[in-house]
Amino acid sequence: MKQLEEKLNLIEKEISELKWMVMQQQLPKKKISLKGSLKGLKIEEEKIEKAKKTLFKGA
């Protein structure tokens, strides 16, 4: 009975390690660039100031 329990614990540990390995492979490997995605868009100084106030509100 003790051997069976030890084997089950080993299998559980191996499954956890395999799960961790699979999860690591699913993470995105390259960063996505947004450069140029707002090309031609004009942002007014007023909107920038409003965004700053909103962003840093309560800080």
N, C-alpha and C. Protein backbone atom coordinates (compact mmCIF):
# COMPACT_ATOMS: atom_id res chain seq x y z
N MET A 1 0.83 -1.20 0.00
CA MET A 1 0.00 0.00 0.00
C MET A 1 0.86 1.26 0.00
N LYS A 2 1.92 1.26 0.78
CA LYS A 2 2.80 2.43 0.85
C LYS A 2 3.50 2.66 -0.49
N GLN A 3 3.86 1.59 -1.18
CA GLN A 3 4.51 1.72 -2.48
C GLN A 3 3.56 2.36 -3.49
N LEU A 4 2.32 1.97 -3.43
CA LEU A 4 1.32 2.52 -4.34
C LEU A 4 1.14 4.02 -4.09
N GLU A 5 1.10 4.39 -2.84
CA GLU A 5 0.97 5.79 -2.48
C GLU A 5 2.18 6.59 -2.96
N GLU A 6 3.37 6.05 -2.81
CA GLU A 6 4.59 6.71 -3.27
C GLU A 6 4.58 6.88 -4.79
N LYS A 7 4.13 5.86 -5.50
CA LYS A 7 4.06 5.92 -6.96
C LYS A 7 3.04 6.98 -7.39
N LEU A 8 1.91 7.03 -6.73
CA LEU A 8 0.89 8.03 -7.05
C LEU A 8 1.41 9.44 -6.80
N ASN A 9 2.15 9.63 -5.71
CA ASN A 9 2.73 10.94 -5.41
C ASN A 9 3.74 11.34 -6.48
N LEU A 10 4.53 10.38 -6.94
CA LEU A 10 5.50 10.64 -7.99
C LEU A 10 4.81 11.02 -9.30
N ILE A 11 3.75 10.28 -9.64
CA ILE A 11 2.98 10.57 -10.86
C ILE A 11 2.35 11.97 -10.76
N GLU A 12 1.82 12.30 -9.61
CA GLU A 12 1.21 13.62 -9.41
C GLU A 12 2.25 14.72 -9.60
N LYS A 13 3.45 14.51 -9.05
CA LYS A 13 4.52 15.49 -9.20
C LYS A 13 4.92 15.64 -10.67
N GLU A 14 5.03 14.53 -11.38
CA GLU A 14 5.41 14.57 -12.79
C GLU A 14 4.34 15.28 -13.64
N ILE A 15 3.08 15.04 -13.33
CA ILE A 15 1.99 15.72 -14.05
C ILE A 15 2.05 17.22 -13.80
N SER A 16 2.31 17.62 -12.58
CA SER A 16 2.41 19.05 -12.26
C SER A 16 3.56 19.69 -13.02
N GLU A 17 4.70 18.99 -13.10
CA GLU A 17 5.85 19.51 -13.84
C GLU A 17 5.54 19.61 -15.33
N LEU A 18 4.88 18.62 -15.88
CA LEU A 18 4.52 18.65 -17.30
C LEU A 18 3.54 19.79 -17.58
N LYS A 19 2.58 19.98 -16.68
CA LYS A 19 1.61 21.06 -16.85
C LYS A 19 2.32 22.40 -16.86
N TRP A 20 3.29 22.58 -15.96
CA TRP A 20 4.05 23.81 -15.89
C TRP A 20 4.82 24.03 -17.19
N MET A 21 5.43 22.97 -17.73
CA MET A 21 6.19 23.08 -18.97
C MET A 21 5.28 23.48 -20.14
N VAL A 22 4.10 22.91 -20.20
CA VAL A 22 3.16 23.23 -21.27
C VAL A 22 2.73 24.69 -21.16
N MET A 23 2.45 25.14 -19.96
CA MET A 23 2.02 26.53 -19.75
C MET A 23 3.13 27.50 -20.16
N GLN A 24 4.38 27.16 -19.91
CA GLN A 24 5.49 28.02 -20.28
C GLN A 24 5.60 28.17 -21.80
N GLN A 25 5.28 27.13 -22.53
CA GLN A 25 5.37 27.16 -23.98
C GLN A 25 4.24 27.97 -24.61
N GLN A 26 3.14 28.18 -23.89
CA GLN A 26 2.00 28.89 -24.44
C GLN A 26 2.11 30.41 -24.28
N LEU A 27 3.09 30.87 -23.52
CA LEU A 27 3.26 32.31 -23.34
C LEU A 27 3.75 32.92 -24.65
N PRO A 28 3.28 34.11 -24.96
CA PRO A 28 3.74 34.75 -26.20
C PRO A 28 5.24 35.00 -26.14
N LYS A 29 5.93 34.66 -27.20
CA LYS A 29 7.38 34.77 -27.22
C LYS A 29 7.87 36.09 -27.79
N LYS A 30 7.05 36.78 -28.57
CA LYS A 30 7.51 38.05 -29.11
C LYS A 30 6.55 39.16 -28.74
N LYS A 31 7.12 40.32 -28.55
CA LYS A 31 6.32 41.49 -28.18
C LYS A 31 5.67 42.05 -29.44
N ILE A 32 4.48 42.56 -29.27
CA ILE A 32 3.75 43.16 -30.38
C ILE A 32 4.01 44.66 -30.37
N SER A 33 4.44 45.17 -31.49
CA SER A 33 4.73 46.60 -31.61
C SER A 33 3.48 47.35 -32.07
N LEU A 34 3.22 48.45 -31.42
CA LEU A 34 2.10 49.31 -31.82
C LEU A 34 2.61 50.52 -32.59
N LYS A 35 3.90 50.53 -32.89
CA LYS A 35 4.51 51.64 -33.61
C LYS A 35 3.82 51.84 -34.96
N GLY A 36 3.39 53.03 -35.20
CA GLY A 36 2.75 53.34 -36.47
C GLY A 36 1.25 53.07 -36.50
N SER A 37 0.71 52.51 -35.43
CA SER A 37 -0.72 52.19 -35.44
C SER A 37 -1.59 53.44 -35.32
N LEU A 38 -1.03 54.53 -34.83
CA LEU A 38 -1.78 55.78 -34.69
C LEU A 38 -1.31 56.82 -35.71
N LYS A 39 -0.72 56.36 -36.77
CA LYS A 39 -0.18 57.26 -37.79
C LYS A 39 -1.29 58.16 -38.35
N GLY A 40 -0.99 59.45 -38.42
CA GLY A 40 -1.95 60.39 -38.98
C GLY A 40 -2.94 60.91 -37.95
N LEU A 41 -2.94 60.38 -36.74
CA LEU A 41 -3.86 60.82 -35.70
C LEU A 41 -3.28 62.04 -34.99
N LYS A 42 -4.07 63.07 -34.83
CA LYS A 42 -3.62 64.28 -34.15
C LYS A 42 -4.21 64.31 -32.75
N ILE A 43 -3.30 64.45 -31.77
CA ILE A 43 -3.73 64.52 -30.38
C ILE A 43 -3.45 65.92 -29.87
N GLU A 44 -4.48 66.56 -29.37
CA GLU A 44 -4.35 67.93 -28.89
C GLU A 44 -3.78 67.94 -27.48
N GLU A 45 -3.06 69.01 -27.16
CA GLU A 45 -2.44 69.17 -25.85
C GLU A 45 -3.48 69.07 -24.73
N GLU A 46 -4.67 69.59 -24.99
CA GLU A 46 -5.76 69.56 -24.02
C GLU A 46 -6.12 68.12 -23.64
N LYS A 47 -6.15 67.25 -24.64
CA LYS A 47 -6.48 65.84 -24.38
C LYS A 47 -5.37 65.15 -23.59
N ILE A 48 -4.13 65.53 -23.87
CA ILE A 48 -3.00 64.96 -23.14
C ILE A 48 -3.07 65.35 -21.67
N GLU A 49 -3.34 66.61 -21.41
CA GLU A 49 -3.45 67.09 -20.03
C GLU A 49 -4.61 66.41 -19.30
N LYS A 50 -5.72 66.25 -19.98
CA LYS A 50 -6.88 65.59 -19.38
C LYS A 50 -6.54 64.12 -19.05
N ALA A 51 -5.81 63.47 -19.96
CA ALA A 51 -5.42 62.08 -19.73
C ALA A 51 -4.46 61.98 -18.55
N LYS A 52 -3.53 62.93 -18.42
CA LYS A 52 -2.61 62.94 -17.29
C LYS A 52 -3.36 63.07 -15.98
N LYS A 53 -4.31 63.99 -15.94
CA LYS A 53 -5.08 64.20 -14.71
C LYS A 53 -5.85 62.94 -14.33
N THR A 54 -6.42 62.29 -15.32
CA THR A 54 -7.17 61.05 -15.07
C THR A 54 -6.24 59.94 -14.61
N LEU A 55 -5.09 59.84 -15.27
CA LEU A 55 -4.13 58.78 -14.96
C LEU A 55 -3.56 58.91 -13.56
N PHE A 56 -3.23 60.15 -13.17
CA PHE A 56 -2.58 60.37 -11.89
C PHE A 56 -3.53 60.83 -10.79
N LYS A 57 -4.80 60.68 -11.03
CA LYS A 57 -5.80 61.08 -10.04
C LYS A 57 -5.65 60.23 -8.80
N GLY A 58 -5.49 60.89 -7.65
CA GLY A 58 -5.37 60.17 -6.39
C GLY A 58 -3.95 59.70 -6.09
N ALA A 59 -3.01 60.01 -6.96
CA ALA A 59 -1.62 59.57 -6.74
C ALA A 59 -0.86 60.59 -5.92
